[in-house]
Each structure stands twice: as C-alpha cells, then as structure tokens.
Amino acid sequence: MDSGIRRLLLFQCSLVAATAAVFLVIFETFSAVSVCYGGCMAAVNALLLARCAHRDVKAPDRSPQQSLAAVYLCVVQRFLLAALLFALGLGLLKLKPLALLSGFIAGQLVMVIMETRRLKKN
C-alpha cells in the first residue's frame, strides 16, 4: 500500500476517533459507534478511490475517452457503495443518523484537507 494512502487512513482514523470521543462525552456509546461506522465508510471510499487511481496509472496506453469512462465508472462505484453503506447503517443497523453522518464527514474532510495541502505545495 502506498505511503500516501497510509497517511490518509491514519489521519482519517485520528479525526474520526476524536469525533467519536466528542460524541461519547456528549451523547452515549452507541453514538460513538455510529461515528466510527461513518468513519469506516469514508475509509472504504478512500481505498476505492486509491484503487481506481492505481489502476489508471497502470494503464497508460488508454485513450482519453477510455480514461474518462474509467473515471466515471469509479465515481459511480463510489457513489453506489456510499449509498449502500448509508442504507445498511441507517436501515438495518439502526445507527444514529447525526453521528453516522458526522463520522463520514470527518473522514471525507481529511481527504479535502490533505489534497488542499498537496496542491499548495505544487
């Protein structure tokens, strides 16, 4: 696994753990578990994005249309997986909606922050 994705996952886990600790103090244990589930959803989303990027790098002989189709396919896969995991968490597992969404947002926020920092360096 690439060191960049390891660092991303580490920061995601750190921020989600801090968010879960806040929910644990303010609400209850079940809310903290819901935050962790949302954070895991964001981590799975990041891993799927890394897999798509890795596959794209390994196929340099693609035409621009093929690359665009691969990007669209990755976006659709990530969206469907996120929707499925949200449905599973809220419907079947009956997790707390605010906590689950907070954990997911915390995990996604790490991706935004890290990409912004990377763009500022370049």
PDB file of N, CA and C in Angstrom:
ATOM      1  N   MET A   1       0.844  -1.177   0.000  1.00  0.00           N
ATOM      2  CA  MET A   1       0.000   0.000   0.000  1.00  0.00           C
ATOM      3  C   MET A   1       0.889   1.240   0.000  1.00  0.00           C
ATOM      4  N   ASP A   2       0.492   2.216  -0.754  1.00  0.00           N
ATOM      5  CA  ASP A   2       1.223   3.461  -0.905  1.00  0.00           C
ATOM      6  C   ASP A   2       1.293   4.210   0.421  1.00  0.00           C
ATOM      7  N   SER A   3       2.393   4.929   0.644  1.00  0.00           N
ATOM      8  CA  SER A   3       2.538   5.662   1.905  1.00  0.00           C
ATOM      9  C   SER A   3       1.537   6.818   2.004  1.00  0.00           C
ATOM     10  N   GLY A   4       1.138   7.375   0.863  1.00  0.00           N
ATOM     11  CA  GLY A   4       0.149   8.455   0.884  1.00  0.00           C
ATOM     12  C   GLY A   4      -1.204   7.982   1.377  1.00  0.00           C
ATOM     13  N   ILE A   5      -1.615   6.800   0.932  1.00  0.00           N
ATOM     14  CA  ILE A   5      -2.909   6.276   1.379  1.00  0.00           C
ATOM     15  C   ILE A   5      -2.823   5.847   2.840  1.00  0.00           C
ATOM     16  N   ARG A   6      -1.658   5.347   3.263  1.00  0.00           N
ATOM     17  CA  ARG A   6      -1.482   5.006   4.685  1.00  0.00           C
ATOM     18  C   ARG A   6      -1.620   6.250   5.554  1.00  0.00           C
ATOM     19  N   ARG A   7      -0.990   7.337   5.117  1.00  0.00           N
ATOM     20  CA  ARG A   7      -1.056   8.589   5.876  1.00  0.00           C
ATOM     21  C   ARG A   7      -2.499   9.104   5.905  1.00  0.00           C
ATOM     22  N   LEU A   8      -3.187   9.020   4.773  1.00  0.00           N
ATOM     23  CA  LEU A   8      -4.580   9.440   4.713  1.00  0.00           C
ATOM     24  C   LEU A   8      -5.437   8.639   5.681  1.00  0.00           C
ATOM     25  N   LEU A   9      -5.274   7.319   5.676  1.00  0.00           N
ATOM     26  CA  LEU A   9      -6.050   6.471   6.576  1.00  0.00           C
ATOM     27  C   LEU A   9      -5.725   6.751   8.040  1.00  0.00           C
ATOM     28  N   LEU A  10      -4.464   7.021   8.329  1.00  0.00           N
ATOM     29  CA  LEU A  10      -4.069   7.354   9.701  1.00  0.00           C
ATOM     30  C   LEU A  10      -4.735   8.651  10.161  1.00  0.00           C
ATOM     31  N   PHE A  11      -4.707   9.678   9.304  1.00  0.00           N
ATOM     32  CA  PHE A  11      -5.340  10.945   9.665  1.00  0.00           C
ATOM     33  C   PHE A  11      -6.853  10.791   9.761  1.00  0.00           C
ATOM     34  N   GLN A  12      -7.433   9.984   8.865  1.00  0.00           N
ATOM     35  CA  GLN A  12      -8.871   9.741   8.947  1.00  0.00           C
ATOM     36  C   GLN A  12      -9.221   9.077  10.275  1.00  0.00           C
ATOM     37  N   CYS A  13      -8.461   8.055  10.639  1.00  0.00           N
ATOM     38  CA  CYS A  13      -8.718   7.360  11.913  1.00  0.00           C
ATOM     39  C   CYS A  13      -8.572   8.308  13.093  1.00  0.00           C
ATOM     40  N   SER A  14      -7.575   9.187  13.039  1.00  0.00           N
ATOM     41  CA  SER A  14      -7.355  10.131  14.138  1.00  0.00           C
ATOM     42  C   SER A  14      -8.516  11.103  14.286  1.00  0.00           C
ATOM     43  N   LEU A  15      -8.957  11.693  13.166  1.00  0.00           N
ATOM     44  CA  LEU A  15     -10.039  12.658  13.246  1.00  0.00           C
ATOM     45  C   LEU A  15     -11.363  11.992  13.606  1.00  0.00           C
ATOM     46  N   VAL A  16     -11.595  10.800  13.068  1.00  0.00           N
ATOM     47  CA  VAL A  16     -12.826  10.075  13.400  1.00  0.00           C
ATOM     48  C   VAL A  16     -12.806   9.658  14.872  1.00  0.00           C
ATOM     49  N   ALA A  17     -11.659   9.252  15.390  1.00  0.00           N
ATOM     50  CA  ALA A  17     -11.561   8.889  16.806  1.00  0.00           C
ATOM     51  C   ALA A  17     -11.830  10.102  17.698  1.00  0.00           C
ATOM     52  N   ALA A  18     -11.312  11.260  17.294  1.00  0.00           N
ATOM     53  CA  ALA A  18     -11.580  12.477  18.074  1.00  0.00           C
ATOM     54  C   ALA A  18     -13.067  12.824  18.028  1.00  0.00           C
ATOM     55  N   THR A  19     -13.680  12.683  16.855  1.00  0.00           N
ATOM     56  CA  THR A  19     -15.112  12.945  16.726  1.00  0.00           C
ATOM     57  C   THR A  19     -15.918  11.956  17.561  1.00  0.00           C
ATOM     58  N   ALA A  20     -15.512  10.689  17.537  1.00  0.00           N
ATOM     59  CA  ALA A  20     -16.198   9.669  18.334  1.00  0.00           C
ATOM     60  C   ALA A  20     -16.065   9.966  19.826  1.00  0.00           C
ATOM     61  N   ALA A  21     -14.898  10.460  20.238  1.00  0.00           N
ATOM     62  CA  ALA A  21     -14.710  10.804  21.653  1.00  0.00           C
ATOM     63  C   ALA A  21     -15.638  11.947  22.063  1.00  0.00           C
ATOM     64  N   VAL A  22     -15.812  12.923  21.185  1.00  0.00           N
ATOM     65  CA  VAL A  22     -16.730  14.029  21.478  1.00  0.00           C
ATOM     66  C   VAL A  22     -18.157  13.499  21.607  1.00  0.00           C
ATOM     67  N   PHE A  23     -18.564  12.633  20.685  1.00  0.00           N
ATOM     68  CA  PHE A  23     -19.914  12.069  20.757  1.00  0.00           C
ATOM     69  C   PHE A  23     -20.078  11.173  21.983  1.00  0.00           C
ATOM     70  N   LEU A  24     -19.016  10.506  22.387  1.00  0.00           N
ATOM     71  CA  LEU A  24     -19.072   9.660  23.572  1.00  0.00           C
ATOM     72  C   LEU A  24     -19.309  10.505  24.826  1.00  0.00           C
ATOM     73  N   VAL A  25     -18.626  11.638  24.898  1.00  0.00           N
ATOM     74  CA  VAL A  25     -18.765  12.514  26.059  1.00  0.00           C
ATOM     75  C   VAL A  25     -20.138  13.189  26.076  1.00  0.00           C
ATOM     76  N   ILE A  26     -20.574  13.677  24.916  1.00  0.00           N
ATOM     77  CA  ILE A  26     -21.825  14.432  24.863  1.00  0.00           C
ATOM     78  C   ILE A  26     -23.051  13.512  24.879  1.00  0.00           C
ATOM     79  N   PHE A  27     -23.000  12.436  24.110  1.00  0.00           N
ATOM     80  CA  PHE A  27     -24.173  11.578  23.972  1.00  0.00           C
ATOM     81  C   PHE A  27     -23.960  10.248  24.688  1.00  0.00           C
ATOM     82  N   GLU A  28     -23.818   9.157  23.929  1.00  0.00           N
ATOM     83  CA  GLU A  28     -23.668   7.842  24.546  1.00  0.00           C
ATOM     84  C   GLU A  28     -22.756   6.977  23.694  1.00  0.00           C
ATOM     85  N   THR A  29     -22.541   5.765  24.140  1.00  0.00           N
ATOM     86  CA  THR A  29     -21.647   4.839  23.454  1.00  0.00           C
ATOM     87  C   THR A  29     -22.136   4.511  22.056  1.00  0.00           C
ATOM     88  N   PHE A  30     -23.435   4.321  21.905  1.00  0.00           N
ATOM     89  CA  PHE A  30     -23.983   3.955  20.598  1.00  0.00           C
ATOM     90  C   PHE A  30     -23.745   5.049  19.562  1.00  0.00           C
ATOM     91  N   SER A  31     -23.746   6.309  19.988  1.00  0.00           N
ATOM     92  CA  SER A  31     -23.444   7.413  19.074  1.00  0.00           C
ATOM     93  C   SER A  31     -21.985   7.355  18.634  1.00  0.00           C
ATOM     94  N   ALA A  32     -21.100   7.021  19.548  1.00  0.00           N
ATOM     95  CA  ALA A  32     -19.685   6.897  19.196  1.00  0.00           C
ATOM     96  C   ALA A  32     -19.468   5.753  18.210  1.00  0.00           C
ATOM     97  N   VAL A  33     -20.195   4.663  18.385  1.00  0.00           N
ATOM     98  CA  VAL A  33     -20.111   3.543  17.439  1.00  0.00           C
ATOM     99  C   VAL A  33     -20.617   3.987  16.074  1.00  0.00           C
ATOM    100  N   SER A  34     -21.658   4.781  16.040  1.00  0.00           N
ATOM    101  CA  SER A  34     -22.192   5.289  14.774  1.00  0.00           C
ATOM    102  C   SER A  34     -21.178   6.189  14.076  1.00  0.00           C
ATOM    103  N   VAL A  35     -20.465   6.999  14.839  1.00  0.00           N
ATOM    104  CA  VAL A  35     -19.414   7.849  14.272  1.00  0.00           C
ATOM    105  C   VAL A  35     -18.322   6.974  13.656  1.00  0.00           C
ATOM    106  N   CYS A  36     -17.940   5.929  14.355  1.00  0.00           N
ATOM    107  CA  CYS A  36     -16.893   5.034  13.840  1.00  0.00           C
ATOM    108  C   CYS A  36     -17.335   4.344  12.551  1.00  0.00           C
ATOM    109  N   TYR A  37     -18.597   3.965  12.468  1.00  0.00           N
ATOM    110  CA  TYR A  37     -19.115   3.358  11.239  1.00  0.00           C
ATOM    111  C   TYR A  37     -19.038   4.360  10.088  1.00  0.00           C
ATOM    112  N   GLY A  38     -19.425   5.604  10.340  1.00  0.00           N
ATOM    113  CA  GLY A  38     -19.320   6.638   9.310  1.00  0.00           C
ATOM    114  C   GLY A  38     -17.886   6.869   8.879  1.00  0.00           C
ATOM    115  N   GLY A  39     -16.967   6.840   9.838  1.00  0.00           N
ATOM    116  CA  GLY A  39     -15.551   6.977   9.500  1.00  0.00           C
ATOM    117  C   GLY A  39     -15.041   5.812   8.673  1.00  0.00           C
ATOM    118  N   CYS A  40     -15.510   4.609   8.996  1.00  0.00           N
ATOM    119  CA  CYS A  40     -15.125   3.435   8.196  1.00  0.00           C
ATOM    120  C   CYS A  40     -15.668   3.535   6.781  1.00  0.00           C
ATOM    121  N   MET A  41     -16.844   4.112   6.640  1.00  0.00           N
ATOM    122  CA  MET A  41     -17.395   4.333   5.300  1.00  0.00           C
ATOM    123  C   MET A  41     -16.486   5.256   4.499  1.00  0.00           C
ATOM    124  N   ALA A  42     -16.002   6.315   5.118  1.00  0.00           N
ATOM    125  CA  ALA A  42     -15.106   7.248   4.437  1.00  0.00           C
ATOM    126  C   ALA A  42     -13.782   6.572   4.089  1.00  0.00           C
ATOM    127  N   ALA A  43     -13.290   5.707   4.971  1.00  0.00           N
ATOM    128  CA  ALA A  43     -12.041   5.000   4.709  1.00  0.00           C
ATOM    129  C   ALA A  43     -12.192   4.030   3.532  1.00  0.00           C
ATOM    130  N   VAL A  44     -13.312   3.332   3.485  1.00  0.00           N
ATOM    131  CA  VAL A  44     -13.566   2.419   2.360  1.00  0.00           C
ATOM    132  C   VAL A  44     -13.675   3.215   1.066  1.00  0.00           C
ATOM    133  N   ASN A  45     -14.292   4.362   1.131  1.00  0.00           N
ATOM    134  CA  ASN A  45     -14.409   5.231  -0.031  1.00  0.00           C
ATOM    135  C   ASN A  45     -13.028   5.682  -0.512  1.00  0.00           C
ATOM    136  N   ALA A  46     -12.162   6.036   0.429  1.00  0.00           N
ATOM    137  CA  ALA A  46     -10.798   6.451   0.080  1.00  0.00           C
ATOM    138  C   ALA A  46     -10.002   5.294  -0.513  1.00  0.00           C
ATOM    139  N   LEU A  47     -10.171   4.103   0.028  1.00  0.00           N
ATOM    140  CA  LEU A  47      -9.473   2.942  -0.523  1.00  0.00           C
ATOM    141  C   LEU A  47      -9.943   2.625  -1.936  1.00  0.00           C
ATOM    142  N   LEU A  48     -11.222   2.769  -2.190  1.00  0.00           N
ATOM    143  CA  LEU A  48     -11.740   2.544  -3.541  1.00  0.00           C
ATOM    144  C   LEU A  48     -11.195   3.590  -4.502  1.00  0.00           C
ATOM    145  N   LEU A  49     -11.104   4.832  -4.062  1.00  0.00           N
ATOM    146  CA  LEU A  49     -10.525   5.888  -4.887  1.00  0.00           C
ATOM    147  C   LEU A  49      -9.060   5.599  -5.188  1.00  0.00           C
ATOM    148  N   ALA A  50      -8.313   5.134  -4.184  1.00  0.00           N
ATOM    149  CA  ALA A  50      -6.900   4.797  -4.395  1.00  0.00           C
ATOM    150  C   ALA A  50      -6.754   3.632  -5.363  1.00  0.00           C
ATOM    151  N   ARG A  51      -7.651   2.654  -5.266  1.00  0.00           N
ATOM    152  CA  ARG A  51      -7.611   1.516  -6.196  1.00  0.00           C
ATOM    153  C   ARG A  51      -7.866   1.973  -7.626  1.00  0.00           C
ATOM    154  N   CYS A  52      -8.827   2.859  -7.799  1.00  0.00           N
ATOM    155  CA  CYS A  52      -9.122   3.377  -9.136  1.00  0.00           C
ATOM    156  C   CYS A  52      -7.928   4.165  -9.694  1.00  0.00           C
ATOM    157  N   ALA A  53      -7.312   4.983  -8.862  1.00  0.00           N
ATOM    158  CA  ALA A  53      -6.151   5.759  -9.306  1.00  0.00           C
ATOM    159  C   ALA A  53      -4.994   4.843  -9.653  1.00  0.00           C
ATOM    160  N   HIS A  54      -4.808   3.798  -8.852  1.00  0.00           N
ATOM    161  CA  HIS A  54      -3.729   2.846  -9.102  1.00  0.00           C
ATOM    162  C   HIS A  54      -3.945   2.115 -10.433  1.00  0.00           C
ATOM    163  N   ARG A  55      -5.178   1.725 -10.689  1.00  0.00           N
ATOM    164  CA  ARG A  55      -5.486   1.051 -11.959  1.00  0.00           C
ATOM    165  C   ARG A  55      -5.297   1.992 -13.138  1.00  0.00           C
ATOM    166  N   ASP A  56      -5.617   3.268 -12.952  1.00  0.00           N
ATOM    167  CA  ASP A  56      -5.459   4.238 -14.036  1.00  0.00           C
ATOM    168  C   ASP A  56      -3.992   4.470 -14.357  1.00  0.00           C
ATOM    169  N   VAL A  57      -3.148   4.470 -13.342  1.00  0.00           N
ATOM    170  CA  VAL A  57      -1.714   4.663 -13.565  1.00  0.00           C
ATOM    171  C   VAL A  57      -1.120   3.457 -14.294  1.00  0.00           C
ATOM    172  N   LYS A  58      -1.638   2.271 -14.025  1.00  0.00           N
ATOM    173  CA  LYS A  58      -1.121   1.053 -14.653  1.00  0.00           C
ATOM    174  C   LYS A  58      -1.573   0.890 -16.099  1.00  0.00           C
ATOM    175  N   ALA A  59      -2.449   1.754 -16.582  1.00  0.00           N
ATOM    176  CA  ALA A  59      -2.946   1.651 -17.954  1.00  0.00           C
ATOM    177  C   ALA A  59      -2.645   2.944 -18.715  1.00  0.00           C
ATOM    178  N   PRO A  60      -1.366   3.227 -18.998  1.00  0.00           N
ATOM    179  CA  PRO A  60      -1.027   4.493 -19.666  1.00  0.00           C
ATOM    180  C   PRO A  60      -1.405   4.526 -21.150  1.00  0.00           C
ATOM    181  N   ASP A  61      -1.701   3.381 -21.742  1.00  0.00           N
ATOM    182  CA  ASP A  61      -1.992   3.342 -23.167  1.00  0.00           C
ATOM    183  C   ASP A  61      -3.476   3.561 -23.480  1.00  0.00           C
ATOM    184  N   ARG A  62      -4.243   3.988 -22.503  1.00  0.00           N
ATOM    185  CA  ARG A  62      -5.664   4.262 -22.715  1.00  0.00           C
ATOM    186  C   ARG A  62      -5.847   5.543 -23.512  1.00  0.00           C
ATOM    187  N   SER A  63      -6.895   5.563 -24.300  1.00  0.00           N
ATOM    188  CA  SER A  63      -7.256   6.804 -24.986  1.00  0.00           C
ATOM    189  C   SER A  63      -7.930   7.730 -23.975  1.00  0.00           C
ATOM    190  N   PRO A  64      -8.047   9.017 -24.308  1.00  0.00           N
ATOM    191  CA  PRO A  64      -8.725   9.927 -23.384  1.00  0.00           C
ATOM    192  C   PRO A  64     -10.171   9.506 -23.088  1.00  0.00           C
ATOM    193  N   GLN A  65     -10.852   8.959 -24.073  1.00  0.00           N
ATOM    194  CA  GLN A  65     -12.227   8.510 -23.864  1.00  0.00           C
ATOM    195  C   GLN A  65     -12.270   7.339 -22.895  1.00  0.00           C
ATOM    196  N   GLN A  66     -11.317   6.411 -23.020  1.00  0.00           N
ATOM    197  CA  GLN A  66     -11.270   5.269 -22.112  1.00  0.00           C
ATOM    198  C   GLN A  66     -10.940   5.720 -20.688  1.00  0.00           C
ATOM    199  N   SER A  67     -10.045   6.678 -20.554  1.00  0.00           N
ATOM    200  CA  SER A  67      -9.705   7.199 -19.229  1.00  0.00           C
ATOM    201  C   SER A  67     -10.903   7.895 -18.601  1.00  0.00           C
ATOM    202  N   LEU A  68     -11.636   8.660 -19.398  1.00  0.00           N
ATOM    203  CA  LEU A  68     -12.818   9.334 -18.889  1.00  0.00           C
ATOM    204  C   LEU A  68     -13.889   8.332 -18.477  1.00  0.00           C
ATOM    205  N   ALA A  69     -14.053   7.285 -19.257  1.00  0.00           N
ATOM    206  CA  ALA A  69     -15.021   6.239 -18.909  1.00  0.00           C
ATOM    207  C   ALA A  69     -14.616   5.552 -17.613  1.00  0.00           C
ATOM    208  N   ALA A  70     -13.309   5.331 -17.408  1.00  0.00           N
ATOM    209  CA  ALA A  70     -12.833   4.706 -16.173  1.00  0.00           C
ATOM    210  C   ALA A  70     -13.086   5.610 -14.971  1.00  0.00           C
ATOM    211  N   VAL A  71     -12.907   6.912 -15.154  1.00  0.00           N
ATOM    212  CA  VAL A  71     -13.164   7.862 -14.069  1.00  0.00           C
ATOM    213  C   VAL A  71     -14.650   7.868 -13.716  1.00  0.00           C
ATOM    214  N   TYR A  72     -15.506   7.907 -14.735  1.00  0.00           N
ATOM    215  CA  TYR A  72     -16.955   7.877 -14.484  1.00  0.00           C
ATOM    216  C   TYR A  72     -17.362   6.593 -13.771  1.00  0.00           C
ATOM    217  N   LEU A  73     -16.800   5.482 -14.191  1.00  0.00           N
ATOM    218  CA  LEU A  73     -17.117   4.205 -13.560  1.00  0.00           C
ATOM    219  C   LEU A  73     -16.709   4.211 -12.081  1.00  0.00           C
ATOM    220  N   CYS A  74     -15.556   4.772 -11.796  1.00  0.00           N
ATOM    221  CA  CYS A  74     -15.089   4.860 -10.409  1.00  0.00           C
ATOM    222  C   CYS A  74     -16.013   5.741  -9.575  1.00  0.00           C
ATOM    223  N   VAL A  75     -16.434   6.867 -10.134  1.00  0.00           N
ATOM    224  CA  VAL A  75     -17.331   7.766  -9.416  1.00  0.00           C
ATOM    225  C   VAL A  75     -18.658   7.071  -9.113  1.00  0.00           C
ATOM    226  N   VAL A  76     -19.188   6.356 -10.103  1.00  0.00           N
ATOM    227  CA  VAL A  76     -20.455   5.656  -9.900  1.00  0.00           C
ATOM    228  C   VAL A  76     -20.304   4.560  -8.846  1.00  0.00           C
ATOM    229  N   GLN A  77     -19.195   3.815  -8.898  1.00  0.00           N
ATOM    230  CA  GLN A  77     -18.952   2.767  -7.905  1.00  0.00           C
ATOM    231  C   GLN A  77     -18.886   3.351  -6.502  1.00  0.00           C
ATOM    232  N   ARG A  78     -18.154   4.441  -6.342  1.00  0.00           N
ATOM    233  CA  ARG A  78     -18.011   5.060  -5.021  1.00  0.00           C
ATOM    234  C   ARG A  78     -19.348   5.588  -4.514  1.00  0.00           C
ATOM    235  N   PHE A  79     -20.131   6.200  -5.398  1.00  0.00           N
ATOM    236  CA  PHE A  79     -21.433   6.717  -5.003  1.00  0.00           C
ATOM    237  C   PHE A  79     -22.363   5.584  -4.575  1.00  0.00           C
ATOM    238  N   LEU A  80     -22.414   4.517  -5.373  1.00  0.00           N
ATOM    239  CA  LEU A  80     -23.291   3.396  -5.047  1.00  0.00           C
ATOM    240  C   LEU A  80     -22.861   2.705  -3.755  1.00  0.00           C
ATOM    241  N   LEU A  81     -21.551   2.554  -3.559  1.00  0.00           N
ATOM    242  CA  LEU A  81     -21.071   1.938  -2.324  1.00  0.00           C
ATOM    243  C   LEU A  81     -21.427   2.801  -1.112  1.00  0.00           C
ATOM    244  N   ALA A  82     -21.246   4.114  -1.238  1.00  0.00           N
ATOM    245  CA  ALA A  82     -21.596   5.007  -0.123  1.00  0.00           C
ATOM    246  C   ALA A  82     -23.096   4.937   0.168  1.00  0.00           C
ATOM    247  N   ALA A  83     -23.908   4.947  -0.883  1.00  0.00           N
ATOM    248  CA  ALA A  83     -25.362   4.862  -0.681  1.00  0.00           C
ATOM    249  C   ALA A  83     -25.749   3.537  -0.023  1.00  0.00           C
ATOM    250  N   LEU A  84     -25.121   2.456  -0.470  1.00  0.00           N
ATOM    251  CA  LEU A  84     -25.402   1.142   0.111  1.00  0.00           C
ATOM    252  C   LEU A  84     -24.994   1.084   1.580  1.00  0.00           C
ATOM    253  N   LEU A  85     -23.825   1.622   1.896  1.00  0.00           N
ATOM    254  CA  LEU A  85     -23.357   1.611   3.283  1.00  0.00           C
ATOM    255  C   LEU A  85     -24.207   2.518   4.176  1.00  0.00           C
ATOM    256  N   PHE A  86     -24.659   3.660   3.636  1.00  0.00           N
ATOM    257  CA  PHE A  86     -25.581   4.508   4.394  1.00  0.00           C
ATOM    258  C   PHE A  86     -26.883   3.771   4.657  1.00  0.00           C
ATOM    259  N   ALA A  87     -27.410   3.117   3.637  1.00  0.00           N
ATOM    260  CA  ALA A  87     -28.660   2.373   3.803  1.00  0.00           C
ATOM    261  C   ALA A  87     -28.491   1.247   4.819  1.00  0.00           C
ATOM    262  N   LEU A  88     -27.367   0.562   4.767  1.00  0.00           N
ATOM    263  CA  LEU A  88     -27.090  -0.510   5.713  1.00  0.00           C
ATOM    264  C   LEU A  88     -27.004   0.034   7.142  1.00  0.00           C
ATOM    265  N   GLY A  89     -26.277   1.128   7.321  1.00  0.00           N
ATOM    266  CA  GLY A  89     -26.096   1.700   8.648  1.00  0.00           C
ATOM    267  C   GLY A  89     -27.366   2.275   9.237  1.00  0.00           C
ATOM    268  N   LEU A  90     -28.120   3.003   8.412  1.00  0.00           N
ATOM    269  CA  LEU A  90     -29.330   3.642   8.923  1.00  0.00           C
ATOM    270  C   LEU A  90     -30.519   2.696   8.961  1.00  0.00           C
ATOM    271  N   GLY A  91     -30.628   1.824   7.956  1.00  0.00           N
ATOM    272  CA  GLY A  91     -31.784   0.947   7.876  1.00  0.00           C
ATOM    273  C   GLY A  91     -31.651  -0.319   8.687  1.00  0.00           C
ATOM    274  N   LEU A  92     -30.656  -1.110   8.378  1.00  0.00           N
ATOM    275  CA  LEU A  92     -30.516  -2.414   9.011  1.00  0.00           C
ATOM    276  C   LEU A  92     -29.917  -2.323  10.417  1.00  0.00           C
ATOM    277  N   LEU A  93     -28.849  -1.535  10.551  1.00  0.00           N
ATOM    278  CA  LEU A  93     -28.168  -1.451  11.851  1.00  0.00           C
ATOM    279  C   LEU A  93     -28.789  -0.425  12.798  1.00  0.00           C
ATOM    280  N   LYS A  94     -29.649   0.441  12.276  1.00  0.00           N
ATOM    281  CA  LYS A  94     -30.351   1.452  13.082  1.00  0.00           C
ATOM    282  C   LYS A  94     -29.381   2.357  13.857  1.00  0.00           C
ATOM    283  N   LEU A  95     -28.324   2.809  13.162  1.00  0.00           N
ATOM    284  CA  LEU A  95     -27.356   3.702  13.792  1.00  0.00           C
ATOM    285  C   LEU A  95     -27.922   5.115  13.871  1.00  0.00           C
ATOM    286  N   LYS A  96     -27.318   5.920  14.720  1.00  0.00           N
ATOM    287  CA  LYS A  96     -27.754   7.311  14.904  1.00  0.00           C
ATOM    288  C   LYS A  96     -27.376   8.121  13.661  1.00  0.00           C
ATOM    289  N   PRO A  97     -28.347   8.758  12.997  1.00  0.00           N
ATOM    290  CA  PRO A  97     -28.068   9.460  11.737  1.00  0.00           C
ATOM    291  C   PRO A  97     -27.059  10.600  11.872  1.00  0.00           C
ATOM    292  N   LEU A  98     -27.204  11.445  12.883  1.00  0.00           N
ATOM    293  CA  LEU A  98     -26.285  12.575  13.046  1.00  0.00           C
ATOM    294  C   LEU A  98     -24.862  12.091  13.301  1.00  0.00           C
ATOM    295  N   ALA A  99     -24.715  11.088  14.118  1.00  0.00           N
ATOM    296  CA  ALA A  99     -23.392  10.562  14.432  1.00  0.00           C
ATOM    297  C   ALA A  99     -22.762   9.896  13.214  1.00  0.00           C
ATOM    298  N   LEU A 100     -23.543   9.112  12.494  1.00  0.00           N
ATOM    299  CA  LEU A 100     -23.028   8.433  11.303  1.00  0.00           C
ATOM    300  C   LEU A 100     -22.567   9.453  10.270  1.00  0.00           C
ATOM    301  N   LEU A 101     -23.385  10.452  10.033  1.00  0.00           N
ATOM    302  CA  LEU A 101     -23.034  11.490   9.071  1.00  0.00           C
ATOM    303  C   LEU A 101     -21.819  12.293   9.532  1.00  0.00           C
ATOM    304  N   SER A 102     -21.723  12.548  10.826  1.00  0.00           N
ATOM    305  CA  SER A 102     -20.558  13.279  11.368  1.00  0.00           C
ATOM    306  C   SER A 102     -19.270  12.493  11.158  1.00  0.00           C
ATOM    307  N   GLY A 103     -19.316  11.188  11.378  1.00  0.00           N
ATOM    308  CA  GLY A 103     -18.129  10.368  11.147  1.00  0.00           C
ATOM    309  C   GLY A 103     -17.735  10.335   9.688  1.00  0.00           C
ATOM    310  N   PHE A 104     -18.714  10.239   8.800  1.00  0.00           N
ATOM    311  CA  PHE A 104     -18.438  10.234   7.359  1.00  0.00           C
ATOM    312  C   PHE A 104     -17.848  11.571   6.919  1.00  0.00           C
ATOM    313  N   ILE A 105     -18.431  12.667   7.405  1.00  0.00           N
ATOM    314  CA  ILE A 105     -17.923  13.993   7.042  1.00  0.00           C
ATOM    315  C   ILE A 105     -16.512  14.193   7.577  1.00  0.00           C
ATOM    316  N   ALA A 106     -16.248  13.739   8.797  1.00  0.00           N
ATOM    317  CA  ALA A 106     -14.900  13.872   9.364  1.00  0.00           C
ATOM    318  C   ALA A 106     -13.882  13.126   8.502  1.00  0.00           C
ATOM    319  N   GLY A 107     -14.237  11.915   8.068  1.00  0.00           N
ATOM    320  CA  GLY A 107     -13.333  11.150   7.216  1.00  0.00           C
ATOM    321  C   GLY A 107     -13.123  11.794   5.858  1.00  0.00           C
ATOM    322  N   GLN A 108     -14.171  12.332   5.278  1.00  0.00           N
ATOM    323  CA  GLN A 108     -14.054  12.986   3.975  1.00  0.00           C
ATOM    324  C   GLN A 108     -13.308  14.311   4.101  1.00  0.00           C
ATOM    325  N   LEU A 109     -13.472  14.987   5.230  1.00  0.00           N
ATOM    326  CA  LEU A 109     -12.783  16.257   5.449  1.00  0.00           C
ATOM    327  C   LEU A 109     -11.269  16.083   5.422  1.00  0.00           C
ATOM    328  N   VAL A 110     -10.793  14.965   5.910  1.00  0.00           N
ATOM    329  CA  VAL A 110      -9.353  14.686   5.869  1.00  0.00           C
ATOM    330  C   VAL A 110      -8.876  14.630   4.425  1.00  0.00           C
ATOM    331  N   MET A 111      -9.662  14.021   3.547  1.00  0.00           N
ATOM    332  CA  MET A 111      -9.280  13.961   2.134  1.00  0.00           C
ATOM    333  C   MET A 111      -9.194  15.354   1.527  1.00  0.00           C
ATOM    334  N   VAL A 112     -10.131  16.212   1.869  1.00  0.00           N
ATOM    335  CA  VAL A 112     -10.132  17.576   1.346  1.00  0.00           C
ATOM    336  C   VAL A 112      -8.913  18.343   1.868  1.00  0.00           C
ATOM    337  N   ILE A 113      -8.647  18.233   3.140  1.00  0.00           N
ATOM    338  CA  ILE A 113      -7.514  18.958   3.739  1.00  0.00           C
ATOM    339  C   ILE A 113      -6.196  18.486   3.149  1.00  0.00           C
ATOM    340  N   MET A 114      -6.022  17.171   3.032  1.00  0.00           N
ATOM    341  CA  MET A 114      -4.749  16.656   2.511  1.00  0.00           C
ATOM    342  C   MET A 114      -4.553  17.043   1.050  1.00  0.00           C
ATOM    343  N   GLU A 115      -5.600  17.020   0.259  1.00  0.00           N
ATOM    344  CA  GLU A 115      -5.472  17.397  -1.147  1.00  0.00           C
ATOM    345  C   GLU A 115      -5.201  18.888  -1.286  1.00  0.00           C
ATOM    346  N   THR A 116      -5.814  19.697  -0.445  1.00  0.00           N
ATOM    347  CA  THR A 116      -5.558  21.136  -0.471  1.00  0.00           C
ATOM    348  C   THR A 116      -4.100  21.423  -0.126  1.00  0.00           C
ATOM    349  N   ARG A 117      -3.581  20.737   0.876  1.00  0.00           N
ATOM    350  CA  ARG A 117      -2.162  20.915   1.244  1.00  0.00           C
ATOM    351  C   ARG A 117      -1.245  20.480   0.132  1.00  0.00           C
ATOM    352  N   ARG A 118      -1.597  19.376  -0.548  1.00  0.00           N
ATOM    353  CA  ARG A 118      -0.767  18.887  -1.645  1.00  0.00           C
ATOM    354  C   ARG A 118      -0.758  19.866  -2.812  1.00  0.00           C
ATOM    355  N   LEU A 119      -1.907  20.462  -3.103  1.00  0.00           N
ATOM    356  CA  LEU A 119      -1.985  21.433  -4.197  1.00  0.00           C
ATOM    357  C   LEU A 119      -1.226  22.721  -3.870  1.00  0.00           C
ATOM    358  N   LYS A 120      -1.208  23.113  -2.599  1.00  0.00           N
ATOM    359  CA  LYS A 120      -0.467  24.307  -2.211  1.00  0.00           C
ATOM    360  C   LYS A 120       1.034  24.116  -2.349  1.00  0.00           C
ATOM    361  N   LYS A 121       1.509  22.889  -2.142  1.00  0.00           N
ATOM    362  CA  LYS A 121       2.936  22.597  -2.290  1.00  0.00           C
ATOM    363  C   LYS A 121       3.375  22.697  -3.743  1.00  0.00           C
ATOM    364  N   ASN A 122       2.499  22.279  -4.642  1.00  0.00           N
ATOM    365  CA  ASN A 122       2.849  22.279  -6.078  1.00  0.00           C
ATOM    366  C   ASN A 122       2.568  23.611  -6.653  1.00  0.00           C
TER     367      ASN A 122
END
